[in-house]
Amino acid sequence: MYIDKTYDNEYYYQYHKTMILQAFLGDLRMRKAPSVEIEENEIICKCFQITESTIRSYIAKNNVTEVQEVTLACEAGGNCGSCHILVQLFIDQNKQKKLEENLELERINSKSTENKKGFWRTLLANS
């Protein structure tokens, strides 16, 4: 970038020179910045430093259905509330997991019940 030195005002020249230098150095710092790795056990509630594993384990053990229950138990979401959406996501994921487990158990139970039928009942039921 070209800096015009014809200005009578030295302050103006120095100011712009400094701004250009800072922008250039800032750009260099950004290129050399190490990549940020996401932790496996990331802090979800920044206010109280509550991790994802703490929240998920409480939800799974106690079959929690509302964010307020998590807040009462481990304080996550008890201050600013910005983590409520993540806590609700964890609750919904737990509900889905439980539902899938129940459906799998029902499927296994229904197959075992079919196998317990006698030969003639199975044969006649299929005809």
Protein backbone atom coordinates (compact mmCIF):
# COMPACT_ATOMS: atom_id res chain seq x y z
CA MET A 1 0.00 0.00 0.00
CA TYR A 2 1.32 3.44 -0.91
CA ILE A 3 1.47 6.14 1.77
CA ASP A 4 1.46 9.70 0.50
CA LYS A 5 3.98 11.84 2.45
CA THR A 6 2.82 15.14 0.96
CA TYR A 7 0.51 15.86 3.87
CA ASP A 8 1.57 18.85 5.93
CA ASN A 9 0.13 17.23 9.00
CA GLU A 10 2.75 14.82 10.37
CA TYR A 11 0.23 13.43 12.87
CA TYR A 12 -2.06 12.31 10.06
CA TYR A 13 0.81 10.55 8.32
CA GLN A 14 1.98 8.81 11.50
CA TYR A 15 -1.53 7.74 12.38
CA HIS A 16 -2.15 6.05 9.03
CA LYS A 17 1.31 4.51 9.01
CA THR A 18 0.60 3.00 12.44
CA MET A 19 -2.81 1.71 11.35
CA ILE A 20 -1.36 0.05 8.26
CA LEU A 21 1.44 -1.51 10.29
CA GLN A 22 -1.00 -2.82 12.89
CA ALA A 23 -3.24 -4.29 10.20
CA PHE A 24 -0.26 -5.97 8.56
CA LEU A 25 1.05 -7.40 11.85
CA GLY A 26 -2.41 -8.52 12.82
CA ASP A 27 -2.70 -10.35 9.51
CA LEU A 28 0.62 -12.08 10.12
CA ARG A 29 -0.46 -13.14 13.61
CA MET A 30 -3.63 -14.66 12.20
CA ARG A 31 -1.65 -16.78 9.74
CA LYS A 32 0.66 -18.14 12.42
CA ALA A 33 -2.11 -18.87 14.92
CA PRO A 34 -2.27 -22.55 15.86
CA SER A 35 -5.42 -24.41 14.99
CA VAL A 36 -7.87 -24.69 17.85
CA GLU A 37 -8.85 -28.21 18.83
CA ILE A 38 -12.22 -28.82 20.38
CA GLU A 39 -12.07 -30.66 23.67
CA GLU A 40 -13.94 -33.90 24.00
CA ASN A 41 -15.37 -32.75 27.31
CA GLU A 42 -16.21 -29.19 26.40
CA ILE A 43 -17.55 -26.72 28.93
CA ILE A 44 -21.20 -26.08 28.11
CA CYS A 45 -22.17 -23.72 30.93
CA LYS A 46 -19.55 -20.97 30.89
CA CYS A 47 -20.95 -19.27 33.99
CA PHE A 48 -20.47 -22.28 36.28
CA GLN A 49 -17.89 -24.22 34.23
CA ILE A 50 -20.13 -27.30 33.85
CA THR A 51 -18.94 -29.82 31.27
CA GLU A 52 -20.92 -31.75 28.71
CA SER A 53 -20.24 -35.10 30.37
CA THR A 54 -21.58 -33.85 33.71
CA ILE A 55 -24.80 -32.67 32.11
CA ARG A 56 -25.27 -35.76 29.95
CA SER A 57 -24.60 -38.19 32.79
CA TYR A 58 -27.12 -36.45 35.07
CA ILE A 59 -29.74 -36.48 32.30
CA ALA A 60 -29.17 -40.18 31.56
CA LYS A 61 -29.15 -41.32 35.21
CA ASN A 62 -32.23 -39.37 36.26
CA ASN A 63 -34.26 -39.46 33.03
CA VAL A 64 -34.55 -35.67 33.04
CA THR A 65 -37.20 -34.05 30.85
CA GLU A 66 -36.72 -30.32 31.53
CA VAL A 67 -33.82 -27.86 31.61
CA GLN A 68 -34.86 -26.63 35.07
CA GLU A 69 -34.19 -30.08 36.53
CA VAL A 70 -30.60 -29.94 35.26
CA THR A 71 -30.22 -26.40 36.61
CA LEU A 72 -31.38 -27.46 40.06
CA ALA A 73 -29.03 -30.44 40.10
CA CYS A 74 -25.77 -29.05 38.74
CA GLU A 75 -26.40 -25.30 38.20
CA ALA A 76 -25.94 -25.51 34.41
CA GLY A 77 -28.12 -22.81 32.90
CA GLY A 78 -28.73 -21.10 36.24
CA ASN A 79 -27.20 -17.73 35.40
CA CYS A 80 -27.28 -16.25 31.90
CA GLY A 81 -29.24 -19.07 30.24
CA SER A 82 -27.19 -19.14 27.05
CA CYS A 83 -26.56 -22.88 27.46
CA HIS A 84 -30.28 -23.77 27.75
CA ILE A 85 -30.48 -24.68 24.07
CA LEU A 86 -27.61 -27.17 24.41
CA VAL A 87 -29.01 -28.65 27.60
CA GLN A 88 -32.37 -29.08 25.85
CA LEU A 89 -30.59 -30.72 22.93
CA PHE A 90 -28.94 -33.21 25.31
CA ILE A 91 -32.33 -33.94 26.90
CA ASP A 92 -33.91 -34.52 23.48
CA GLN A 93 -31.04 -36.77 22.41
CA ASN A 94 -31.43 -38.80 25.60
CA LYS A 95 -35.18 -39.17 24.98
CA GLN A 96 -34.50 -40.35 21.43
CA LYS A 97 -31.90 -42.84 22.63
CA LYS A 98 -34.29 -44.25 25.26
CA LEU A 99 -37.07 -44.51 22.66
CA GLU A 100 -34.81 -46.40 20.25
CA GLU A 101 -33.70 -48.74 23.05
CA ASN A 102 -37.33 -49.44 23.97
CA LEU A 103 -38.27 -50.13 20.35
CA GLU A 104 -35.34 -52.52 20.01
CA LEU A 105 -36.39 -54.36 23.19
CA GLU A 106 -39.97 -54.63 21.94
CA ARG A 107 -38.74 -55.98 18.61
CA ILE A 108 -36.58 -58.58 20.37
CA ASN A 109 -39.46 -59.54 22.71
CA SER A 110 -41.91 -59.90 19.84
CA LYS A 111 -39.48 -62.18 17.98
CA SER A 112 -38.97 -64.34 21.05
CA THR A 113 -42.76 -64.58 21.53
CA GLU A 114 -43.16 -65.72 17.92
CA ASN A 115 -40.54 -68.39 18.45
CA LYS A 116 -42.41 -69.69 21.51
CA LYS A 117 -45.51 -70.48 19.48
CA GLY A 118 -45.98 -74.07 18.65
CA PHE A 119 -45.28 -75.52 15.26
CA TRP A 120 -48.95 -75.75 14.32
CA ARG A 121 -49.79 -72.20 15.47
CA THR A 122 -46.96 -70.77 13.43
CA LEU A 123 -47.93 -72.82 10.43
CA LEU A 124 -51.62 -71.90 10.67
CA ALA A 125 -50.92 -68.23 11.36
CA ASN A 126 -48.91 -67.96 8.12
CA SER A 127 -51.58 -69.57 5.96
